[in-house]
Amino acid sequence: METESFKLDVHVKALSQPRSLGFISTVVISQYREVEEFLINDKDDCVTSLGSYPDDSSTSHHPLISLKLPSFKPNDVYQHLQTQLHDHDLSEQISCKIVEAQQRQTSQSVYLPQQPPLFIIVSVKLTHKVYVVVPPLATDLDQEMSQGEEEESKTCAICLEELSTSDDYCEMPNCTHCFHEPCLTQWLIRDNNSCPLCRKPVDKQPESN
C-alpha cells in the first residue's frame, strides 16, 4: 500500500534591477521537482528513507519563467503567475513570497523619491513524498501465532484458569490440548465426547503414517 504527500519550498531574493533591463520589475522563476521515497514497517511504524531522485515525468521539465510585473499588488502578481503555472496553490504561495520580498526591499529604500524596479529571483522546489507501507514478514506472523498458541496451552479452556505444574491436568489423546483433570471429567460426563478446543473426537484413533 502506498500513500503520498507533497512539500513545497519557495525561496525568493529581491535585488535592485539593472537599468539595462528597463523600468518594469522582473521576476525569474526556476523550478525543481523530485521524488522522495520512504519505507514504513507496518509492525512498528518505523520510517526509513530510501533516498530521492529527480522527477522524470514529462510534466516536471519546466524551463525558466521570466515575468515583467508593472505592480506588486497581490492579485496582479497572482494573475501573472497563474497564466504561466496554471496551478492555483503554487501561484498563490509564490505570489505571497514575491510580495513579501518586495515589501522588505522597498522598506530599505523608503527615503528614495521613487522606488526603483526590482529583479526578483524565485527558486521553487516541489518534493513528491511517497510512503510504501510494508506488512509484517511471514516469520513475524508465525512468531505471533506461536506465542498465542503458547499462551493458549498455559490456560485451561474450560475454567479459563492457568495450568500450573502443581495442578492435576491431562492431555487429550488425539490432540495436544491440556485441561485440568476435574474440568475435563465434568466436560466428558456431559456427553461432550470431543476436545473443548478443537472438537476432535476423544475416541478417534490417531492417524498413522
N, C-alpha and C. Protein backbone atom coordinates (compact mmCIF):
# COMPACT_ATOMS: atom_id res chain seq x y z
N MET A 1 0.84 -1.18 0.00
CA MET A 1 0.00 0.00 0.00
C MET A 1 0.88 1.24 0.00
N GLU A 2 0.49 2.25 -0.77
CA GLU A 2 1.26 3.48 -0.86
C GLU A 2 0.41 4.69 -0.45
N THR A 3 1.05 5.63 0.23
CA THR A 3 0.44 6.93 0.50
C THR A 3 1.42 7.99 0.03
N GLU A 4 0.95 9.20 -0.13
CA GLU A 4 1.83 10.23 -0.66
C GLU A 4 1.46 11.60 -0.09
N SER A 5 2.43 12.50 -0.18
CA SER A 5 2.22 13.89 0.22
C SER A 5 3.16 14.76 -0.60
N PHE A 6 2.93 16.06 -0.55
CA PHE A 6 3.75 17.00 -1.32
C PHE A 6 4.28 18.09 -0.40
N LYS A 7 5.53 18.45 -0.62
CA LYS A 7 6.16 19.53 0.15
C LYS A 7 6.66 20.59 -0.82
N LEU A 8 6.30 21.84 -0.56
CA LEU A 8 6.69 22.95 -1.43
C LEU A 8 7.62 23.89 -0.68
N ASP A 9 8.79 24.14 -1.25
CA ASP A 9 9.74 25.11 -0.70
C ASP A 9 9.93 26.23 -1.72
N VAL A 10 9.73 27.46 -1.27
CA VAL A 10 9.87 28.63 -2.15
C VAL A 10 10.86 29.60 -1.51
N HIS A 11 11.91 29.93 -2.24
CA HIS A 11 12.91 30.89 -1.77
C HIS A 11 12.95 32.07 -2.74
N VAL A 12 12.86 33.28 -2.20
CA VAL A 12 12.78 34.49 -3.02
C VAL A 12 13.88 35.46 -2.60
N LYS A 13 14.55 36.03 -3.60
CA LYS A 13 15.58 37.05 -3.34
C LYS A 13 15.31 38.25 -4.23
N ALA A 14 15.20 39.43 -3.63
CA ALA A 14 14.91 40.65 -4.38
C ALA A 14 16.15 41.55 -4.43
N LEU A 15 16.48 42.03 -5.64
CA LEU A 15 17.63 42.90 -5.85
C LEU A 15 17.20 44.14 -6.63
N SER A 16 18.02 45.14 -6.59
CA SER A 16 17.77 46.31 -7.45
C SER A 16 18.04 45.91 -8.89
N GLN A 17 17.13 46.26 -9.77
CA GLN A 17 17.26 45.84 -11.17
C GLN A 17 18.22 46.76 -11.94
N PRO A 18 19.12 46.18 -12.74
CA PRO A 18 19.99 47.00 -13.59
C PRO A 18 19.17 47.81 -14.59
N ARG A 19 19.64 48.98 -14.93
CA ARG A 19 18.91 49.84 -15.85
C ARG A 19 18.75 49.20 -17.22
N SER A 20 19.68 48.33 -17.56
CA SER A 20 19.62 47.70 -18.89
C SER A 20 18.39 46.83 -19.06
N LEU A 21 17.75 46.43 -17.96
CA LEU A 21 16.55 45.59 -18.03
C LEU A 21 15.26 46.41 -18.04
N GLY A 22 15.38 47.72 -18.05
CA GLY A 22 14.18 48.56 -18.16
C GLY A 22 13.69 49.03 -16.81
N PHE A 23 12.49 49.64 -16.85
CA PHE A 23 11.94 50.26 -15.65
C PHE A 23 10.74 49.50 -15.08
N ILE A 24 10.53 48.29 -15.57
CA ILE A 24 9.48 47.43 -15.03
C ILE A 24 10.16 46.25 -14.33
N SER A 25 9.74 45.95 -13.13
CA SER A 25 10.37 44.89 -12.34
C SER A 25 10.27 43.54 -13.05
N THR A 26 11.32 42.74 -12.84
CA THR A 26 11.42 41.43 -13.49
C THR A 26 11.42 40.33 -12.43
N VAL A 27 10.71 39.25 -12.73
CA VAL A 27 10.71 38.07 -11.87
C VAL A 27 11.16 36.87 -12.69
N VAL A 28 12.17 36.15 -12.20
CA VAL A 28 12.65 34.94 -12.86
C VAL A 28 12.42 33.76 -11.92
N ILE A 29 11.73 32.74 -12.43
CA ILE A 29 11.35 31.59 -11.60
C ILE A 29 11.98 30.32 -12.15
N SER A 30 12.68 29.59 -11.28
CA SER A 30 13.21 28.27 -11.63
C SER A 30 12.49 27.22 -10.79
N GLN A 31 12.23 26.07 -11.41
CA GLN A 31 11.50 25.01 -10.71
C GLN A 31 12.31 23.72 -10.72
N TYR A 32 12.26 23.02 -9.60
CA TYR A 32 12.90 21.71 -9.49
C TYR A 32 11.94 20.78 -8.79
N ARG A 33 11.75 19.61 -9.39
CA ARG A 33 10.83 18.63 -8.80
C ARG A 33 11.56 17.33 -8.56
N GLU A 34 11.29 16.74 -7.40
CA GLU A 34 11.94 15.48 -7.06
C GLU A 34 10.95 14.54 -6.38
N VAL A 35 11.32 13.26 -6.35
CA VAL A 35 10.54 12.24 -5.67
C VAL A 35 11.38 11.70 -4.52
N GLU A 36 10.80 11.64 -3.34
CA GLU A 36 11.49 11.09 -2.17
C GLU A 36 10.66 9.91 -1.65
N GLU A 37 11.32 8.76 -1.50
CA GLU A 37 10.61 7.54 -1.11
C GLU A 37 10.95 7.15 0.32
N PHE A 38 9.92 6.64 1.00
CA PHE A 38 10.08 6.18 2.38
C PHE A 38 9.46 4.80 2.52
N LEU A 39 10.03 4.00 3.42
CA LEU A 39 9.51 2.67 3.72
C LEU A 39 8.97 2.69 5.14
N ILE A 40 7.71 2.26 5.31
CA ILE A 40 7.09 2.22 6.64
C ILE A 40 6.82 0.77 7.01
N ASN A 41 7.40 0.34 8.13
CA ASN A 41 7.14 -1.00 8.64
C ASN A 41 5.81 -0.99 9.38
N ASP A 42 4.85 -1.75 8.86
CA ASP A 42 3.50 -1.74 9.43
C ASP A 42 3.46 -2.32 10.84
N LYS A 43 4.52 -3.05 11.21
CA LYS A 43 4.53 -3.68 12.53
C LYS A 43 4.84 -2.68 13.63
N ASP A 44 5.86 -1.83 13.41
CA ASP A 44 6.26 -0.88 14.46
C ASP A 44 6.24 0.57 14.00
N ASP A 45 5.72 0.83 12.77
CA ASP A 45 5.62 2.19 12.22
C ASP A 45 6.98 2.87 12.06
N CYS A 46 8.03 2.08 11.96
CA CYS A 46 9.37 2.64 11.74
C CYS A 46 9.47 3.14 10.30
N VAL A 47 9.95 4.39 10.12
CA VAL A 47 10.06 5.01 8.79
C VAL A 47 11.52 5.07 8.38
N THR A 48 11.82 4.54 7.18
CA THR A 48 13.18 4.54 6.65
C THR A 48 13.19 5.26 5.31
N SER A 49 14.09 6.23 5.16
CA SER A 49 14.19 6.97 3.89
C SER A 49 14.96 6.13 2.88
N LEU A 50 14.42 6.00 1.68
CA LEU A 50 15.07 5.27 0.60
C LEU A 50 15.83 6.20 -0.34
N GLY A 51 15.82 7.49 -0.04
CA GLY A 51 16.53 8.45 -0.88
C GLY A 51 15.58 9.20 -1.81
N SER A 52 16.15 10.11 -2.58
CA SER A 52 15.36 10.93 -3.50
C SER A 52 16.02 10.96 -4.87
N TYR A 53 15.22 11.33 -5.88
CA TYR A 53 15.72 11.41 -7.25
C TYR A 53 14.86 12.40 -8.02
N PRO A 54 15.40 12.98 -9.10
CA PRO A 54 14.61 13.94 -9.89
C PRO A 54 13.36 13.29 -10.46
N ASP A 55 12.29 14.04 -10.49
CA ASP A 55 11.04 13.58 -11.09
C ASP A 55 11.19 13.64 -12.60
N ASP A 56 11.23 12.47 -13.24
CA ASP A 56 11.45 12.41 -14.69
C ASP A 56 10.15 12.41 -15.49
N SER A 57 9.03 12.63 -14.83
CA SER A 57 7.77 12.66 -15.57
C SER A 57 7.78 13.83 -16.55
N SER A 58 7.00 13.73 -17.59
CA SER A 58 7.01 14.74 -18.65
C SER A 58 6.58 16.11 -18.16
N THR A 59 5.81 16.13 -17.06
CA THR A 59 5.32 17.42 -16.57
C THR A 59 6.34 18.14 -15.69
N SER A 60 7.48 17.50 -15.43
CA SER A 60 8.43 18.09 -14.49
C SER A 60 9.49 18.93 -15.17
N HIS A 61 9.56 18.92 -16.51
CA HIS A 61 10.61 19.65 -17.21
C HIS A 61 10.12 21.07 -17.49
N HIS A 62 10.42 21.98 -16.59
CA HIS A 62 9.96 23.35 -16.71
C HIS A 62 11.15 24.27 -16.95
N PRO A 63 11.14 25.02 -18.05
CA PRO A 63 12.21 26.00 -18.27
C PRO A 63 12.05 27.18 -17.33
N LEU A 64 13.03 28.05 -17.33
CA LEU A 64 12.92 29.27 -16.53
C LEU A 64 11.74 30.11 -17.00
N ILE A 65 11.04 30.68 -16.04
CA ILE A 65 9.91 31.56 -16.35
C ILE A 65 10.33 32.99 -16.02
N SER A 66 10.18 33.88 -16.99
CA SER A 66 10.53 35.29 -16.79
C SER A 66 9.28 36.14 -16.97
N LEU A 67 9.00 36.98 -15.97
CA LEU A 67 7.80 37.82 -15.99
C LEU A 67 8.18 39.28 -15.76
N LYS A 68 7.41 40.17 -16.36
CA LYS A 68 7.51 41.59 -16.08
C LYS A 68 6.30 41.98 -15.23
N LEU A 69 6.56 42.59 -14.08
CA LEU A 69 5.48 42.96 -13.16
C LEU A 69 5.38 44.48 -13.03
N PRO A 70 4.36 45.07 -13.66
CA PRO A 70 4.17 46.53 -13.53
C PRO A 70 3.81 46.94 -12.11
N SER A 71 3.18 46.01 -11.35
CA SER A 71 2.78 46.34 -9.98
C SER A 71 2.94 45.11 -9.10
N PHE A 72 3.02 45.37 -7.79
CA PHE A 72 3.16 44.27 -6.84
C PHE A 72 1.90 44.09 -5.99
N LYS A 73 0.76 44.50 -6.53
CA LYS A 73 -0.49 44.20 -5.86
C LYS A 73 -0.68 42.69 -5.85
N PRO A 74 -1.01 42.09 -4.70
CA PRO A 74 -1.09 40.63 -4.60
C PRO A 74 -1.90 39.97 -5.70
N ASN A 75 -3.06 40.53 -6.04
CA ASN A 75 -3.90 39.92 -7.07
C ASN A 75 -3.25 40.01 -8.45
N ASP A 76 -2.56 41.13 -8.74
CA ASP A 76 -1.89 41.27 -10.03
C ASP A 76 -0.76 40.26 -10.16
N VAL A 77 0.02 40.11 -9.10
CA VAL A 77 1.13 39.14 -9.12
C VAL A 77 0.58 37.73 -9.32
N TYR A 78 -0.50 37.41 -8.59
CA TYR A 78 -1.10 36.08 -8.71
C TYR A 78 -1.57 35.81 -10.14
N GLN A 79 -2.23 36.77 -10.76
CA GLN A 79 -2.76 36.58 -12.12
C GLN A 79 -1.63 36.35 -13.12
N HIS A 80 -0.52 37.08 -12.99
CA HIS A 80 0.62 36.88 -13.89
C HIS A 80 1.19 35.47 -13.73
N LEU A 81 1.28 35.01 -12.49
CA LEU A 81 1.83 33.67 -12.25
C LEU A 81 0.89 32.58 -12.74
N GLN A 82 -0.40 32.76 -12.49
CA GLN A 82 -1.37 31.74 -12.87
C GLN A 82 -1.40 31.52 -14.38
N THR A 83 -1.18 32.56 -15.16
CA THR A 83 -1.18 32.40 -16.63
C THR A 83 0.01 31.56 -17.09
N GLN A 84 1.05 31.47 -16.27
CA GLN A 84 2.23 30.68 -16.63
C GLN A 84 2.24 29.30 -15.99
N LEU A 85 1.82 29.23 -14.72
CA LEU A 85 1.93 27.97 -13.97
C LEU A 85 0.68 27.11 -14.05
N HIS A 86 -0.47 27.74 -14.23
CA HIS A 86 -1.76 27.00 -14.30
C HIS A 86 -1.95 26.12 -13.06
N ASP A 87 -1.55 26.63 -11.92
CA ASP A 87 -1.68 25.89 -10.66
C ASP A 87 -2.04 26.89 -9.57
N HIS A 88 -3.27 26.81 -9.07
CA HIS A 88 -3.75 27.81 -8.11
C HIS A 88 -2.90 27.86 -6.84
N ASP A 89 -2.68 26.70 -6.20
CA ASP A 89 -1.94 26.68 -4.94
C ASP A 89 -0.51 27.17 -5.12
N LEU A 90 0.14 26.70 -6.18
CA LEU A 90 1.52 27.10 -6.44
C LEU A 90 1.61 28.59 -6.73
N SER A 91 0.71 29.09 -7.56
CA SER A 91 0.71 30.52 -7.90
C SER A 91 0.45 31.38 -6.67
N GLU A 92 -0.45 30.92 -5.82
CA GLU A 92 -0.80 31.70 -4.63
C GLU A 92 0.37 31.78 -3.66
N GLN A 93 1.04 30.67 -3.43
CA GLN A 93 2.16 30.67 -2.48
C GLN A 93 3.34 31.48 -3.00
N ILE A 94 3.64 31.36 -4.30
CA ILE A 94 4.76 32.12 -4.87
C ILE A 94 4.44 33.61 -4.87
N SER A 95 3.21 33.97 -5.20
CA SER A 95 2.85 35.39 -5.22
C SER A 95 2.98 36.02 -3.84
N CYS A 96 2.61 35.29 -2.79
CA CYS A 96 2.76 35.80 -1.42
C CYS A 96 4.22 36.05 -1.08
N LYS A 97 5.08 35.11 -1.48
CA LYS A 97 6.52 35.25 -1.21
C LYS A 97 7.10 36.44 -1.97
N ILE A 98 6.67 36.64 -3.21
CA ILE A 98 7.18 37.75 -4.02
C ILE A 98 6.77 39.09 -3.40
N VAL A 99 5.52 39.21 -3.00
CA VAL A 99 5.04 40.46 -2.39
C VAL A 99 5.79 40.75 -1.09
N GLU A 100 6.03 39.72 -0.28
CA GLU A 100 6.77 39.90 0.97
C GLU A 100 8.20 40.38 0.69
N ALA A 101 8.85 39.77 -0.32
CA ALA A 101 10.22 40.17 -0.66
C ALA A 101 10.26 41.61 -1.17
N GLN A 102 9.26 41.99 -1.97
CA GLN A 102 9.20 43.36 -2.49
C GLN A 102 9.02 44.36 -1.35
N GLN A 103 8.20 44.03 -0.38
CA GLN A 103 7.97 44.93 0.75
C GLN A 103 9.22 45.09 1.60
N ARG A 104 9.96 44.00 1.80
CA ARG A 104 11.20 44.10 2.56
C ARG A 104 12.22 44.98 1.84
N GLN A 105 12.31 44.78 0.51
CA GLN A 105 13.29 45.54 -0.26
C GLN A 105 12.96 47.03 -0.29
N THR A 106 11.70 47.36 -0.50
CA THR A 106 11.31 48.78 -0.59
C THR A 106 11.41 49.47 0.76
N SER A 107 11.26 48.71 1.85
CA SER A 107 11.38 49.33 3.18
C SER A 107 12.80 49.82 3.44
N GLN A 108 13.76 49.23 2.73
CA GLN A 108 15.16 49.64 2.89
C GLN A 108 15.49 50.90 2.08
N SER A 109 14.63 51.21 1.10
CA SER A 109 14.88 52.40 0.26
C SER A 109 13.71 53.37 0.36
N VAL A 110 13.16 53.48 1.57
CA VAL A 110 11.96 54.29 1.77
C VAL A 110 12.21 55.78 1.54
N TYR A 111 13.47 56.22 1.67
CA TYR A 111 13.76 57.65 1.54
C TYR A 111 14.05 58.06 0.09
N LEU A 112 14.03 57.10 -0.84
CA LEU A 112 14.24 57.45 -2.24
C LEU A 112 12.98 58.11 -2.79
N PRO A 113 13.12 59.11 -3.67
CA PRO A 113 11.94 59.79 -4.22
C PRO A 113 11.08 58.87 -5.06
N GLN A 114 11.69 57.87 -5.66
CA GLN A 114 10.93 56.93 -6.50
C GLN A 114 11.50 55.53 -6.29
N GLN A 115 10.61 54.57 -6.06
CA GLN A 115 11.07 53.21 -5.82
C GLN A 115 11.63 52.63 -7.12
N PRO A 116 12.88 52.14 -7.10
CA PRO A 116 13.47 51.57 -8.32
C PRO A 116 12.84 50.22 -8.63
N PRO A 117 12.88 49.79 -9.89
CA PRO A 117 12.37 48.46 -10.23
C PRO A 117 13.24 47.38 -9.58
N LEU A 118 12.64 46.23 -9.41
CA LEU A 118 13.34 45.13 -8.74
C LEU A 118 13.59 43.97 -9.70
N PHE A 119 14.66 43.25 -9.41
CA PHE A 119 14.94 41.99 -10.11
C PHE A 119 14.80 40.90 -9.06
N ILE A 120 13.77 40.05 -9.21
CA ILE A 120 13.44 39.07 -8.18
C ILE A 120 13.71 37.66 -8.70
N ILE A 121 14.48 36.92 -7.92
CA ILE A 121 14.82 35.53 -8.27
C ILE A 121 14.02 34.60 -7.37
N VAL A 122 13.28 33.68 -7.98
CA VAL A 122 12.43 32.74 -7.23
C VAL A 122 12.89 31.31 -7.53
N SER A 123 13.19 30.56 -6.47
CA SER A 123 13.55 29.14 -6.61
C SER A 123 12.44 28.31 -5.98
N VAL A 124 11.88 27.41 -6.78
CA VAL A 124 10.77 26.57 -6.32
C VAL A 124 11.20 25.12 -6.33
N LYS A 125 11.01 24.45 -5.20
CA LYS A 125 11.32 23.02 -5.10
C LYS A 125 10.08 22.28 -4.63
N LEU A 126 9.60 21.36 -5.45
CA LEU A 126 8.41 20.57 -5.11
C LEU A 126 8.85 19.12 -4.90
N THR A 127 8.63 18.63 -3.68
CA THR A 127 9.02 17.26 -3.35
C THR A 127 7.78 16.39 -3.23
N HIS A 128 7.75 15.35 -4.04
CA HIS A 128 6.66 14.36 -4.01
C HIS A 128 7.11 13.22 -3.10
N LYS A 129 6.51 13.14 -1.91
CA LYS A 129 6.90 12.13 -0.94
C LYS A 129 6.00 10.91 -1.06
N VAL A 130 6.62 9.76 -1.30
CA VAL A 130 5.89 8.50 -1.46
C VAL A 130 6.23 7.59 -0.29
N TYR A 131 5.19 7.12 0.41
CA TYR A 131 5.38 6.24 1.56
C TYR A 131 4.86 4.84 1.20
N VAL A 132 5.76 3.85 1.23
CA VAL A 132 5.39 2.47 0.93
C VAL A 132 5.25 1.72 2.25
N VAL A 133 4.05 1.24 2.53
CA VAL A 133 3.79 0.53 3.78
C VAL A 133 4.01 -0.96 3.56
N VAL A 134 4.93 -1.54 4.33
CA VAL A 134 5.26 -2.95 4.19
C VAL A 134 4.61 -3.73 5.32
N PRO A 135 3.82 -4.77 5.00
CA PRO A 135 3.19 -5.58 6.05
C PRO A 135 4.23 -6.40 6.80
N PRO A 136 3.90 -6.91 7.99
CA PRO A 136 4.86 -7.73 8.74
C PRO A 136 5.29 -8.95 7.94
N LEU A 137 6.53 -9.38 8.13
CA LEU A 137 7.03 -10.56 7.46
C LEU A 137 6.30 -11.79 7.97
N ALA A 138 6.28 -12.83 7.13
CA ALA A 138 5.60 -14.06 7.50
C ALA A 138 6.18 -14.65 8.78
N THR A 139 7.50 -14.51 8.95
CA THR A 139 8.14 -15.04 10.15
C THR A 139 7.61 -14.33 11.40
N ASP A 140 7.35 -13.02 11.25
CA ASP A 140 6.80 -12.27 12.38
C ASP A 140 5.40 -12.76 12.72
N LEU A 141 4.59 -13.01 11.67
CA LEU A 141 3.24 -13.50 11.90
C LEU A 141 3.27 -14.88 12.55
N ASP A 142 4.19 -15.73 12.06
CA ASP A 142 4.30 -17.07 12.64
C ASP A 142 4.70 -17.00 14.11
N GLN A 143 5.60 -16.06 14.41
CA GLN A 143 6.04 -15.91 15.79
C GLN A 143 4.88 -15.46 16.68
N GLU A 144 4.07 -14.51 16.16
CA GLU A 144 2.93 -14.04 16.93
C GLU A 144 1.92 -15.16 17.16
N MET A 145 1.71 -15.99 16.11
CA MET A 145 0.77 -17.10 16.25
C MET A 145 1.27 -18.12 17.26
N SER A 146 2.59 -18.42 17.19
CA SER A 146 3.13 -19.41 18.12
C SER A 146 3.06 -18.91 19.55
N GLN A 147 3.25 -17.57 19.73
CA GLN A 147 3.12 -17.01 21.07
C GLN A 147 1.69 -17.14 21.57
N GLY A 148 0.73 -16.93 20.65
CA GLY A 148 -0.67 -17.06 21.02
C GLY A 148 -1.01 -18.49 21.41
N GLU A 149 -0.46 -19.45 20.64
CA GLU A 149 -0.71 -20.85 20.95
C GLU A 149 -0.07 -21.24 22.28
N GLU A 150 1.10 -20.66 22.55
CA GLU A 150 1.78 -20.95 23.81
C GLU A 150 0.95 -20.45 24.99
N GLU A 151 0.39 -19.23 24.85
CA GLU A 151 -0.46 -18.70 25.91
C GLU A 151 -1.70 -19.57 26.09
N GLU A 152 -2.22 -20.05 24.94
CA GLU A 152 -3.42 -20.88 24.98
C GLU A 152 -3.14 -22.18 25.73
N SER A 153 -1.93 -22.76 25.51
CA SER A 153 -1.61 -24.03 26.13
C SER A 153 -1.41 -23.91 27.64
N LYS A 154 -1.21 -22.70 28.14
CA LYS A 154 -1.00 -22.49 29.57
C LYS A 154 -2.31 -22.27 30.31
N THR A 155 -3.42 -22.26 29.58
CA THR A 155 -4.72 -21.97 30.19
C THR A 155 -5.69 -23.11 29.93
N CYS A 156 -6.42 -23.47 30.95
CA CYS A 156 -7.49 -24.46 30.78
C CYS A 156 -8.67 -23.76 30.12
N ALA A 157 -9.03 -24.22 28.92
CA ALA A 157 -10.08 -23.55 28.15
C ALA A 157 -11.47 -23.77 28.74
N ILE A 158 -11.59 -24.67 29.71
CA ILE A 158 -12.90 -24.94 30.31
C ILE A 158 -13.19 -23.97 31.45
N CYS A 159 -12.23 -23.83 32.37
CA CYS A 159 -12.45 -22.91 33.50
C CYS A 159 -11.73 -21.59 33.32
N LEU A 160 -10.89 -21.52 32.27
CA LEU A 160 -10.13 -20.30 31.94
C LEU A 160 -9.11 -19.92 33.00
N GLU A 161 -8.74 -20.89 33.84
CA GLU A 161 -7.68 -20.67 34.83
C GLU A 161 -6.36 -21.21 34.28
N GLU A 162 -5.26 -20.68 34.82
CA GLU A 162 -3.96 -21.12 34.36
C GLU A 162 -3.68 -22.56 34.78
N LEU A 163 -2.92 -23.25 33.93
CA LEU A 163 -2.46 -24.59 34.25
C LEU A 163 -1.09 -24.47 34.90
N SER A 164 -0.92 -25.02 36.06
CA SER A 164 0.38 -25.00 36.73
C SER A 164 0.87 -26.42 36.92
N THR A 165 2.15 -26.55 37.12
CA THR A 165 2.74 -27.89 37.27
C THR A 165 2.24 -28.59 38.52
N SER A 166 1.75 -27.82 39.48
CA SER A 166 1.25 -28.43 40.72
C SER A 166 -0.18 -28.95 40.57
N ASP A 167 -0.86 -28.53 39.50
CA ASP A 167 -2.25 -28.97 39.30
C ASP A 167 -2.27 -30.34 38.63
N ASP A 168 -3.37 -31.06 38.88
CA ASP A 168 -3.61 -32.30 38.15
C ASP A 168 -4.26 -31.95 36.83
N TYR A 169 -3.54 -32.20 35.73
CA TYR A 169 -4.11 -31.92 34.42
C TYR A 169 -3.79 -33.07 33.48
N CYS A 170 -4.54 -33.17 32.44
CA CYS A 170 -4.33 -34.26 31.49
C CYS A 170 -4.38 -33.73 30.07
N GLU A 171 -3.75 -34.50 29.19
CA GLU A 171 -3.67 -34.13 27.78
C GLU A 171 -4.63 -35.00 26.98
N MET A 172 -5.31 -34.38 26.03
CA MET A 172 -6.26 -35.13 25.20
C MET A 172 -5.52 -36.19 24.39
N PRO A 173 -6.15 -37.36 24.15
CA PRO A 173 -5.45 -38.46 23.47
C PRO A 173 -5.16 -38.19 21.99
N ASN A 174 -6.01 -37.44 21.33
CA ASN A 174 -5.83 -37.25 19.88
C ASN A 174 -5.42 -35.84 19.49
N CYS A 175 -5.07 -35.02 20.47
CA CYS A 175 -4.52 -33.68 20.21
C CYS A 175 -3.63 -33.32 21.38
N THR A 176 -3.03 -32.17 21.34
CA THR A 176 -2.07 -31.79 22.38
C THR A 176 -2.65 -30.81 23.40
N HIS A 177 -3.95 -30.60 23.38
CA HIS A 177 -4.56 -29.65 24.31
C HIS A 177 -4.67 -30.25 25.71
N CYS A 178 -4.37 -29.41 26.71
CA CYS A 178 -4.38 -29.85 28.10
C CYS A 178 -5.44 -29.09 28.90
N PHE A 179 -5.99 -29.80 29.91
CA PHE A 179 -7.02 -29.21 30.76
C PHE A 179 -6.85 -29.74 32.18
N HIS A 180 -7.44 -29.03 33.14
CA HIS A 180 -7.49 -29.57 34.49
C HIS A 180 -8.28 -30.88 34.46
N GLU A 181 -7.78 -31.87 35.18
CA GLU A 181 -8.45 -33.18 35.15
C GLU A 181 -9.90 -33.10 35.64
N PRO A 182 -10.21 -32.40 36.74
CA PRO A 182 -11.62 -32.30 37.16
C PRO A 182 -12.49 -31.59 36.12
N CYS A 183 -11.92 -30.57 35.47
CA CYS A 183 -12.70 -29.84 34.46
C CYS A 183 -13.02 -30.74 33.28
N LEU A 184 -12.01 -31.50 32.83
CA LEU A 184 -12.22 -32.37 31.67
C LEU A 184 -13.19 -33.50 32.01
N THR A 185 -13.10 -34.01 33.23
CA THR A 185 -14.00 -35.09 33.64
C THR A 185 -15.45 -34.62 33.57
N GLN A 186 -15.72 -33.45 34.13
CA GLN A 186 -17.08 -32.90 34.09
C GLN A 186 -17.52 -32.64 32.66
N TRP A 187 -16.58 -32.20 31.82
CA TRP A 187 -16.89 -31.93 30.41
C TRP A 187 -17.33 -33.21 29.70
N LEU A 188 -16.61 -34.30 29.92
CA LEU A 188 -16.92 -35.56 29.25
C LEU A 188 -18.19 -36.20 29.82
N ILE A 189 -18.45 -35.99 31.13
CA ILE A 189 -19.66 -36.54 31.74
C ILE A 189 -20.90 -35.96 31.08
N ARG A 190 -20.80 -34.69 30.61
CA ARG A 190 -21.96 -34.03 29.99
C ARG A 190 -22.12 -34.43 28.53
N ASP A 191 -21.62 -35.63 28.18
CA ASP A 191 -21.74 -36.17 26.81
C ASP A 191 -21.03 -35.30 25.78
N ASN A 192 -20.00 -34.64 26.19
CA ASN A 192 -19.17 -33.91 25.23
C ASN A 192 -17.97 -34.79 24.88
N ASN A 193 -18.15 -35.62 23.87
CA ASN A 193 -17.12 -36.59 23.52
C ASN A 193 -16.10 -36.01 22.53
N SER A 194 -15.62 -34.82 22.85
CA SER A 194 -14.65 -34.18 21.96
C SER A 194 -13.82 -33.18 22.75
N CYS A 195 -12.74 -32.75 22.15
CA CYS A 195 -11.86 -31.76 22.79
C CYS A 195 -12.59 -30.41 22.86
N PRO A 196 -12.58 -29.75 24.00
CA PRO A 196 -13.27 -28.45 24.12
C PRO A 196 -12.73 -27.38 23.18
N LEU A 197 -11.50 -27.54 22.73
CA LEU A 197 -10.91 -26.52 21.85
C LEU A 197 -11.05 -26.85 20.38
N CYS A 198 -10.52 -28.00 19.97
CA CYS A 198 -10.50 -28.31 18.54
C CYS A 198 -11.64 -29.24 18.11
N ARG A 199 -12.42 -29.71 19.07
CA ARG A 199 -13.59 -30.58 18.80
C ARG A 199 -13.20 -31.91 18.17
N LYS A 200 -11.96 -32.32 18.32
CA LYS A 200 -11.56 -33.62 17.79
C LYS A 200 -12.12 -34.70 18.71
N PRO A 201 -12.78 -35.74 18.14
CA PRO A 201 -13.40 -36.78 18.97
C PRO A 201 -12.38 -37.46 19.88
N VAL A 202 -12.81 -37.77 21.08
CA VAL A 202 -11.91 -38.41 22.04
C VAL A 202 -11.63 -39.84 21.65
N ASP A 203 -12.64 -40.55 21.10
CA ASP A 203 -12.47 -41.96 20.79
C ASP A 203 -11.88 -42.22 19.42
N LYS A 204 -11.53 -41.14 18.69
CA LYS A 204 -10.94 -41.33 17.36
C LYS A 204 -9.48 -41.71 17.52
N GLN A 205 -9.06 -42.74 16.81
CA GLN A 205 -7.68 -43.18 16.89
C GLN A 205 -6.78 -42.25 16.10
N PRO A 206 -5.60 -41.97 16.60
CA PRO A 206 -4.67 -41.12 15.85
C PRO A 206 -4.32 -41.74 14.52
N GLU A 207 -4.18 -40.89 13.49
CA GLU A 207 -3.83 -41.37 12.16
C GLU A 207 -2.38 -41.81 12.15
N SER A 208 -2.13 -42.98 11.56
CA SER A 208 -0.76 -43.50 11.45
C SER A 208 -0.19 -43.16 10.10
N ASN A 209 1.11 -42.88 10.04
CA ASN A 209 1.78 -42.53 8.78
C ASN A 209 2.21 -43.82 8.07
